[in-house]
N, C-alpha and C. Protein backbone atom coordinates (compact mmCIF):
# COMPACT_ATOMS: atom_id res chain seq x y z
N MET A 1 0.82 -1.19 0.00
CA MET A 1 0.00 0.00 0.00
C MET A 1 0.87 1.26 0.00
N PHE A 2 2.03 1.18 0.64
CA PHE A 2 2.93 2.34 0.66
C PHE A 2 3.35 2.72 -0.75
N ASP A 3 3.74 1.72 -1.54
CA ASP A 3 4.15 1.96 -2.93
C ASP A 3 2.98 2.51 -3.75
N LEU A 4 1.78 2.01 -3.48
CA LEU A 4 0.60 2.50 -4.18
C LEU A 4 0.40 3.99 -3.89
N GLY A 5 0.60 4.39 -2.65
CA GLY A 5 0.47 5.80 -2.29
C GLY A 5 1.47 6.67 -3.03
N ILE A 6 2.70 6.20 -3.13
CA ILE A 6 3.73 6.96 -3.85
C ILE A 6 3.36 7.06 -5.33
N ALA A 7 2.91 5.95 -5.91
CA ALA A 7 2.53 5.96 -7.33
C ALA A 7 1.35 6.90 -7.57
N ALA A 8 0.35 6.84 -6.70
CA ALA A 8 -0.82 7.70 -6.84
C ALA A 8 -0.42 9.17 -6.73
N GLN A 9 0.45 9.50 -5.79
CA GLN A 9 0.92 10.87 -5.64
C GLN A 9 1.64 11.33 -6.91
N SER A 10 2.47 10.48 -7.47
CA SER A 10 3.20 10.83 -8.68
C SER A 10 2.25 11.06 -9.85
N ILE A 11 1.22 10.23 -9.97
CA ILE A 11 0.22 10.41 -11.03
C ILE A 11 -0.47 11.76 -10.86
N CYS A 12 -0.88 12.07 -9.63
CA CYS A 12 -1.59 13.33 -9.38
C CYS A 12 -0.71 14.55 -9.62
N LEU A 13 0.54 14.48 -9.20
CA LEU A 13 1.46 15.61 -9.42
C LEU A 13 1.76 15.81 -10.90
N THR A 14 1.92 14.72 -11.63
CA THR A 14 2.16 14.83 -13.07
C THR A 14 0.93 15.41 -13.77
N ALA A 15 -0.25 14.95 -13.39
CA ALA A 15 -1.48 15.48 -13.97
C ALA A 15 -1.59 16.98 -13.69
N TYR A 16 -1.29 17.38 -12.47
CA TYR A 16 -1.35 18.80 -12.10
C TYR A 16 -0.40 19.63 -12.97
N SER A 17 0.79 19.10 -13.22
CA SER A 17 1.76 19.82 -14.05
C SER A 17 1.27 19.99 -15.48
N LEU A 18 0.30 19.16 -15.89
CA LEU A 18 -0.28 19.24 -17.22
C LEU A 18 -1.60 20.02 -17.24
N GLY A 19 -1.94 20.63 -16.08
CA GLY A 19 -3.16 21.42 -16.00
C GLY A 19 -4.41 20.62 -15.71
N LEU A 20 -4.25 19.38 -15.26
CA LEU A 20 -5.38 18.52 -14.95
C LEU A 20 -5.63 18.45 -13.45
N GLY A 21 -6.86 18.17 -13.08
CA GLY A 21 -7.22 18.00 -11.68
C GLY A 21 -7.45 16.53 -11.38
N THR A 22 -7.14 16.13 -10.16
CA THR A 22 -7.32 14.74 -9.73
C THR A 22 -7.78 14.71 -8.28
N VAL A 23 -8.19 13.55 -7.86
CA VAL A 23 -8.45 13.27 -6.45
C VAL A 23 -8.29 11.76 -6.27
N ILE A 24 -7.65 11.36 -5.19
CA ILE A 24 -7.47 9.93 -4.90
C ILE A 24 -8.68 9.48 -4.09
N VAL A 25 -9.40 8.48 -4.59
CA VAL A 25 -10.63 8.00 -3.97
C VAL A 25 -10.41 6.57 -3.48
N GLY A 26 -10.73 6.33 -2.22
CA GLY A 26 -10.61 5.00 -1.67
C GLY A 26 -11.92 4.47 -1.12
N LEU A 27 -12.91 5.36 -0.96
CA LEU A 27 -14.20 4.96 -0.41
C LEU A 27 -15.22 4.85 -1.54
N PHE A 28 -15.44 3.64 -2.01
CA PHE A 28 -16.38 3.36 -3.09
C PHE A 28 -16.74 1.89 -3.05
N ASP A 29 -17.72 1.49 -3.82
CA ASP A 29 -18.11 0.08 -3.90
C ASP A 29 -17.10 -0.64 -4.78
N HIS A 30 -16.13 -1.28 -4.16
CA HIS A 30 -15.02 -1.91 -4.88
C HIS A 30 -15.49 -2.98 -5.86
N ASN A 31 -16.43 -3.81 -5.45
CA ASN A 31 -16.91 -4.88 -6.33
C ASN A 31 -17.64 -4.31 -7.54
N LYS A 32 -18.47 -3.30 -7.33
CA LYS A 32 -19.20 -2.69 -8.44
C LYS A 32 -18.23 -2.01 -9.40
N ALA A 33 -17.22 -1.31 -8.87
CA ALA A 33 -16.23 -0.65 -9.72
C ALA A 33 -15.45 -1.67 -10.54
N LYS A 34 -15.07 -2.79 -9.91
CA LYS A 34 -14.36 -3.85 -10.64
C LYS A 34 -15.22 -4.38 -11.79
N GLU A 35 -16.50 -4.55 -11.52
CA GLU A 35 -17.42 -5.04 -12.54
C GLU A 35 -17.53 -4.05 -13.70
N ILE A 36 -17.74 -2.78 -13.39
CA ILE A 36 -17.89 -1.75 -14.42
C ILE A 36 -16.62 -1.60 -15.26
N LEU A 37 -15.47 -1.64 -14.59
CA LEU A 37 -14.19 -1.44 -15.27
C LEU A 37 -13.63 -2.72 -15.90
N GLY A 38 -14.24 -3.85 -15.61
CA GLY A 38 -13.77 -5.12 -16.17
C GLY A 38 -12.45 -5.59 -15.57
N VAL A 39 -12.25 -5.30 -14.28
CA VAL A 39 -11.02 -5.72 -13.60
C VAL A 39 -11.11 -7.22 -13.31
N PRO A 40 -10.11 -8.01 -13.71
CA PRO A 40 -10.15 -9.47 -13.46
C PRO A 40 -10.21 -9.79 -11.96
N ASP A 41 -10.78 -10.94 -11.64
CA ASP A 41 -10.97 -11.35 -10.25
C ASP A 41 -9.66 -11.49 -9.49
N ASP A 42 -8.56 -11.79 -10.17
CA ASP A 42 -7.30 -11.98 -9.46
C ASP A 42 -6.56 -10.66 -9.20
N TYR A 43 -7.23 -9.52 -9.42
CA TYR A 43 -6.68 -8.20 -9.10
C TYR A 43 -7.53 -7.55 -8.02
N GLU A 44 -6.89 -6.73 -7.21
CA GLU A 44 -7.61 -6.00 -6.15
C GLU A 44 -7.63 -4.53 -6.52
N LEU A 45 -8.80 -3.94 -6.55
CA LEU A 45 -8.96 -2.52 -6.83
C LEU A 45 -9.00 -1.79 -5.50
N VAL A 46 -8.02 -0.94 -5.22
CA VAL A 46 -7.94 -0.29 -3.92
C VAL A 46 -8.17 1.22 -3.98
N SER A 47 -7.97 1.83 -5.15
CA SER A 47 -8.22 3.27 -5.25
C SER A 47 -8.53 3.63 -6.70
N LEU A 48 -9.18 4.76 -6.86
CA LEU A 48 -9.47 5.32 -8.17
C LEU A 48 -8.93 6.74 -8.19
N ILE A 49 -8.54 7.21 -9.37
CA ILE A 49 -8.07 8.59 -9.51
C ILE A 49 -8.83 9.24 -10.67
N PRO A 50 -9.98 9.85 -10.38
CA PRO A 50 -10.67 10.60 -11.43
C PRO A 50 -9.75 11.73 -11.92
N LEU A 51 -9.82 12.02 -13.21
CA LEU A 51 -8.91 12.95 -13.85
C LEU A 51 -9.71 13.84 -14.79
N GLY A 52 -9.45 15.14 -14.77
CA GLY A 52 -10.15 16.03 -15.69
C GLY A 52 -9.66 17.45 -15.56
N TYR A 53 -10.25 18.31 -16.35
CA TYR A 53 -9.90 19.73 -16.30
C TYR A 53 -10.76 20.41 -15.24
N PRO A 54 -10.14 21.05 -14.25
CA PRO A 54 -10.91 21.68 -13.17
C PRO A 54 -11.67 22.92 -13.67
N ALA A 55 -12.85 23.15 -13.10
CA ALA A 55 -13.65 24.33 -13.43
C ALA A 55 -12.98 25.60 -12.91
N LYS A 56 -12.23 25.47 -11.82
CA LYS A 56 -11.50 26.60 -11.26
C LYS A 56 -10.26 26.08 -10.56
N ASP A 57 -9.31 26.96 -10.34
CA ASP A 57 -8.06 26.59 -9.67
C ASP A 57 -8.09 27.19 -8.27
N PRO A 58 -8.51 26.40 -7.26
CA PRO A 58 -8.63 26.95 -5.91
C PRO A 58 -7.27 27.27 -5.30
N GLU A 59 -7.27 28.20 -4.38
CA GLU A 59 -6.04 28.54 -3.67
C GLU A 59 -5.71 27.45 -2.66
N ALA A 60 -4.43 27.27 -2.41
CA ALA A 60 -3.99 26.30 -1.40
C ALA A 60 -4.43 26.78 -0.02
N PRO A 61 -4.76 25.84 0.88
CA PRO A 61 -5.13 26.25 2.24
C PRO A 61 -3.93 26.85 2.97
N LYS A 62 -4.22 27.69 3.96
CA LYS A 62 -3.16 28.31 4.75
C LYS A 62 -2.38 27.22 5.49
N ARG A 63 -1.05 27.30 5.42
CA ARG A 63 -0.21 26.32 6.12
C ARG A 63 -0.20 26.58 7.62
N ARG A 64 -0.18 25.49 8.37
CA ARG A 64 -0.07 25.61 9.83
C ARG A 64 1.38 25.90 10.19
N GLU A 65 1.58 26.56 11.28
CA GLU A 65 2.93 26.80 11.79
C GLU A 65 3.50 25.45 12.23
N ILE A 66 4.79 25.23 11.96
CA ILE A 66 5.41 23.94 12.26
C ILE A 66 5.34 23.59 13.75
N GLY A 67 5.36 24.58 14.60
CA GLY A 67 5.28 24.34 16.04
C GLY A 67 3.94 23.79 16.49
N GLU A 68 2.92 23.89 15.65
CA GLU A 68 1.59 23.37 15.99
C GLU A 68 1.52 21.85 15.94
N PHE A 69 2.44 21.21 15.20
CA PHE A 69 2.34 19.75 15.05
C PHE A 69 3.67 19.03 15.22
N THR A 70 4.70 19.70 15.69
CA THR A 70 5.97 19.02 15.97
C THR A 70 6.25 19.05 17.47
N HIS A 71 7.05 18.11 17.91
CA HIS A 71 7.41 18.01 19.33
C HIS A 71 8.91 17.74 19.42
N SER A 72 9.53 18.24 20.45
CA SER A 72 10.96 18.08 20.63
C SER A 72 11.25 17.30 21.91
N GLU A 73 11.94 16.22 21.79
CA GLU A 73 12.39 15.36 22.88
C GLU A 73 11.30 14.57 23.57
N LYS A 74 10.10 15.09 23.69
CA LYS A 74 8.98 14.34 24.24
C LYS A 74 7.68 14.90 23.69
N PHE A 75 6.66 14.09 23.76
CA PHE A 75 5.36 14.48 23.21
C PHE A 75 4.76 15.49 24.12
């Protein structure tokens, strides 16, 4: 699953560099999606990445200060 996450991130970043929008989806009816997409039974479908041209380019959310989520020497 770790490698899948890295691959999905790379796909999304590459799509973004080409002006496309994506989202990684993991909550869906896996069996129905396999049926619709014709995925063989010996494969496991764990995520989908819808891809398209976004209607708008939203601004990135404000970043949190690093001190809000880091700890030094103890929690």
